[in-house]
Amino acid sequence: MGADAKPPVTARLVRDNPALNRYELQLGDSTVFATYSREPGRVTLIHTMVPKELGGHGVGTALATGALADIRGRGEKVIAKCPFIAAFIRSHKEFQDLLADPSSLDGEK
């Protein structure tokens, strides 16, 4: 998916919940989320939570894609403290321009 491509439908269902400092994706009775802290111009993605029963179905990918698309739309940069988000950005080069410090992924494998 290029920088200008629209995210998949599921990713477009991701919503920012600033009251809880997290991006959310509601799937039936389950809420998948990624917690963050926000400061002017930057979002630190801290932790991603996907219920075990939803693992392996692309839900984390949809959450990451939707959150990063929202961050891009706001003109902000990302600090990827969450190992899942860091790995996602590492393997999806189209999101690497969002990194506040691109070298931050170099030491994480």
C-alpha atoms as a PDB file:
ATOM      1  CA  MET A   1       0.000   0.000   0.000  1.00  0.00           C
ATOM      2  CA  GLY A   2       1.563   3.305  -1.077  1.00  0.00           C
ATOM      3  CA  ALA A   3       1.488   6.468   1.002  1.00  0.00           C
ATOM      4  CA  ASP A   4      -1.529   7.765  -0.953  1.00  0.00           C
ATOM      5  CA  ALA A   5      -3.458   4.485  -1.043  1.00  0.00           C
ATOM      6  CA  LYS A   6      -6.577   4.109   1.054  1.00  0.00           C
ATOM      7  CA  PRO A   7      -6.278   1.681   3.977  1.00  0.00           C
ATOM      8  CA  PRO A   8      -8.406  -1.494   3.956  1.00  0.00           C
ATOM      9  CA  VAL A   9     -12.008  -1.124   5.167  1.00  0.00           C
ATOM     10  CA  THR A  10     -11.244  -2.639   8.586  1.00  0.00           C
ATOM     11  CA  ALA A  11      -8.372  -0.167   9.086  1.00  0.00           C
ATOM     12  CA  ARG A  12     -10.742   2.706   8.272  1.00  0.00           C
ATOM     13  CA  LEU A  13     -12.877   1.616  11.260  1.00  0.00           C
ATOM     14  CA  VAL A  14     -10.031   2.438  13.659  1.00  0.00           C
ATOM     15  CA  ARG A  15     -10.938   5.405  15.867  1.00  0.00           C
ATOM     16  CA  ASP A  16      -8.877   7.646  18.078  1.00  0.00           C
ATOM     17  CA  ASN A  17     -10.201   7.669  21.657  1.00  0.00           C
ATOM     18  CA  PRO A  18      -8.321  10.608  23.185  1.00  0.00           C
ATOM     19  CA  ALA A  19     -10.109  10.197  26.545  1.00  0.00           C
ATOM     20  CA  LEU A  20      -8.341   6.830  26.953  1.00  0.00           C
ATOM     21  CA  ASN A  21      -5.213   7.743  24.952  1.00  0.00           C
ATOM     22  CA  ARG A  22      -5.657   4.899  22.531  1.00  0.00           C
ATOM     23  CA  TYR A  23      -6.619   3.932  19.011  1.00  0.00           C
ATOM     24  CA  GLU A  24      -9.469   1.415  18.982  1.00  0.00           C
ATOM     25  CA  LEU A  25     -11.044  -1.071  16.626  1.00  0.00           C
ATOM     26  CA  GLN A  26     -14.339  -2.554  17.801  1.00  0.00           C
ATOM     27  CA  LEU A  27     -15.008  -6.081  16.494  1.00  0.00           C
ATOM     28  CA  GLY A  28     -18.204  -7.526  17.895  1.00  0.00           C
ATOM     29  CA  ASP A  29     -17.810  -7.681  21.663  1.00  0.00           C
ATOM     30  CA  SER A  30     -14.035  -7.228  21.500  1.00  0.00           C
ATOM     31  CA  THR A  31     -12.035  -4.016  21.415  1.00  0.00           C
ATOM     32  CA  VAL A  32      -8.560  -4.100  19.944  1.00  0.00           C
ATOM     33  CA  PHE A  33      -6.448  -1.106  20.896  1.00  0.00           C
ATOM     34  CA  ALA A  34      -3.073   0.596  20.804  1.00  0.00           C
ATOM     35  CA  THR A  35      -2.236   2.934  23.684  1.00  0.00           C
ATOM     36  CA  TYR A  36      -0.292   6.120  23.102  1.00  0.00           C
ATOM     37  CA  SER A  37       0.933   9.363  24.557  1.00  0.00           C
ATOM     38  CA  ARG A  38       0.683  12.493  22.460  1.00  0.00           C
ATOM     39  CA  GLU A  39       2.719  15.669  22.509  1.00  0.00           C
ATOM     40  CA  PRO A  40       2.735  18.434  19.898  1.00  0.00           C
ATOM     41  CA  GLY A  41       3.695  16.901  16.572  1.00  0.00           C
ATOM     42  CA  ARG A  42       4.462  13.416  17.942  1.00  0.00           C
ATOM     43  CA  VAL A  43       2.632  10.293  19.024  1.00  0.00           C
ATOM     44  CA  THR A  44       4.394   7.600  21.040  1.00  0.00           C
ATOM     45  CA  LEU A  45       2.707   4.246  20.422  1.00  0.00           C
ATOM     46  CA  ILE A  46       3.245   2.284  23.632  1.00  0.00           C
ATOM     47  CA  HIS A  47       1.325  -1.003  23.612  1.00  0.00           C
ATOM     48  CA  THR A  48      -1.008  -2.943  21.335  1.00  0.00           C
ATOM     49  CA  MET A  49      -3.654  -5.292  22.736  1.00  0.00           C
ATOM     50  CA  VAL A  50      -5.350  -7.915  20.559  1.00  0.00           C
ATOM     51  CA  PRO A  51      -7.469 -10.563  22.323  1.00  0.00           C
ATOM     52  CA  LYS A  52      -6.014 -14.047  21.894  1.00  0.00           C
ATOM     53  CA  GLU A  53      -9.066 -15.281  19.971  1.00  0.00           C
ATOM     54  CA  LEU A  54      -8.520 -12.562  17.325  1.00  0.00           C
ATOM     55  CA  GLY A  55      -4.783 -13.154  16.919  1.00  0.00           C
ATOM     56  CA  GLY A  56      -3.551 -14.256  13.510  1.00  0.00           C
ATOM     57  CA  HIS A  57      -6.496 -12.767  11.599  1.00  0.00           C
ATOM     58  CA  GLY A  58      -4.934  -9.475  10.508  1.00  0.00           C
ATOM     59  CA  VAL A  59      -6.619  -7.468  13.256  1.00  0.00           C
ATOM     60  CA  GLY A  60      -3.339  -6.060  14.590  1.00  0.00           C
ATOM     61  CA  THR A  61      -2.350  -5.114  11.061  1.00  0.00           C
ATOM     62  CA  ALA A  62      -5.660  -3.311  10.556  1.00  0.00           C
ATOM     63  CA  LEU A  63      -5.219  -1.483  13.866  1.00  0.00           C
ATOM     64  CA  ALA A  64      -1.654  -0.428  13.032  1.00  0.00           C
ATOM     65  CA  THR A  65      -2.627   0.666   9.518  1.00  0.00           C
ATOM     66  CA  GLY A  66      -5.592   2.699  10.761  1.00  0.00           C
ATOM     67  CA  ALA A  67      -3.662   4.344  13.605  1.00  0.00           C
ATOM     68  CA  LEU A  68      -0.728   5.237  11.360  1.00  0.00           C
ATOM     69  CA  ALA A  69      -3.065   6.598   8.667  1.00  0.00           C
ATOM     70  CA  ASP A  70      -4.694   8.848  11.273  1.00  0.00           C
ATOM     71  CA  ILE A  71      -1.309  10.023  12.548  1.00  0.00           C
ATOM     72  CA  ARG A  72      -0.222  10.759   8.965  1.00  0.00           C
ATOM     73  CA  GLY A  73      -3.441  12.685   8.365  1.00  0.00           C
ATOM     74  CA  ARG A  74      -2.718  14.867  11.398  1.00  0.00           C
ATOM     75  CA  GLY A  75       0.782  15.604  10.132  1.00  0.00           C
ATOM     76  CA  GLU A  76       2.375  14.035  13.214  1.00  0.00           C
ATOM     77  CA  LYS A  77       5.409  11.794  13.636  1.00  0.00           C
ATOM     78  CA  VAL A  78       5.619   8.441  15.442  1.00  0.00           C
ATOM     79  CA  ILE A  79       7.801   7.046  18.183  1.00  0.00           C
ATOM     80  CA  ALA A  80       7.282   3.270  18.104  1.00  0.00           C
ATOM     81  CA  LYS A  81       7.834   1.964  21.660  1.00  0.00           C
ATOM     82  CA  CYS A  82       5.391  -0.910  21.074  1.00  0.00           C
ATOM     83  CA  PRO A  83       7.306  -3.921  19.676  1.00  0.00           C
ATOM     84  CA  PHE A  84       4.393  -4.875  17.398  1.00  0.00           C
ATOM     85  CA  ILE A  85       4.123  -1.366  15.914  1.00  0.00           C
ATOM     86  CA  ALA A  86       7.919  -1.153  15.523  1.00  0.00           C
ATOM     87  CA  ALA A  87       7.981  -4.494  13.672  1.00  0.00           C
ATOM     88  CA  PHE A  88       5.005  -3.419  11.539  1.00  0.00           C
ATOM     89  CA  ILE A  89       6.717  -0.181  10.504  1.00  0.00           C
ATOM     90  CA  ARG A  90       9.985  -2.022   9.875  1.00  0.00           C
ATOM     91  CA  SER A  91       8.231  -4.373   7.440  1.00  0.00           C
ATOM     92  CA  HIS A  92       5.975  -1.709   5.846  1.00  0.00           C
ATOM     93  CA  LYS A  93       8.354   0.831   4.378  1.00  0.00           C
ATOM     94  CA  GLU A  94       5.473   3.075   3.323  1.00  0.00           C
ATOM     95  CA  PHE A  95       5.075   4.082   6.984  1.00  0.00           C
ATOM     96  CA  GLN A  96       8.753   4.656   7.773  1.00  0.00           C
ATOM     97  CA  ASP A  97       8.520   8.336   6.834  1.00  0.00           C
ATOM     98  CA  LEU A  98       6.305   8.777   9.911  1.00  0.00           C
ATOM     99  CA  LEU A  99       9.124   7.920  12.316  1.00  0.00           C
ATOM    100  CA  ALA A 100      10.355  10.841  14.408  1.00  0.00           C
ATOM    101  CA  ASP A 101      13.737   9.065  14.444  1.00  0.00           C
ATOM    102  CA  PRO A 102      14.099   6.546  11.590  1.00  0.00           C
ATOM    103  CA  SER A 103      17.252   5.104  13.173  1.00  0.00           C
ATOM    104  CA  SER A 104      15.169   4.027  16.190  1.00  0.00           C
ATOM    105  CA  LEU A 105      14.256   0.798  14.363  1.00  0.00           C
ATOM    106  CA  ASP A 106      17.862  -0.135  13.620  1.00  0.00           C
ATOM    107  CA  GLY A 107      18.516  -1.869  16.932  1.00  0.00           C
ATOM    108  CA  GLU A 108      15.158  -3.644  17.226  1.00  0.00           C
ATOM    109  CA  LYS A 109      14.870  -6.967  15.429  1.00  0.00           C
END
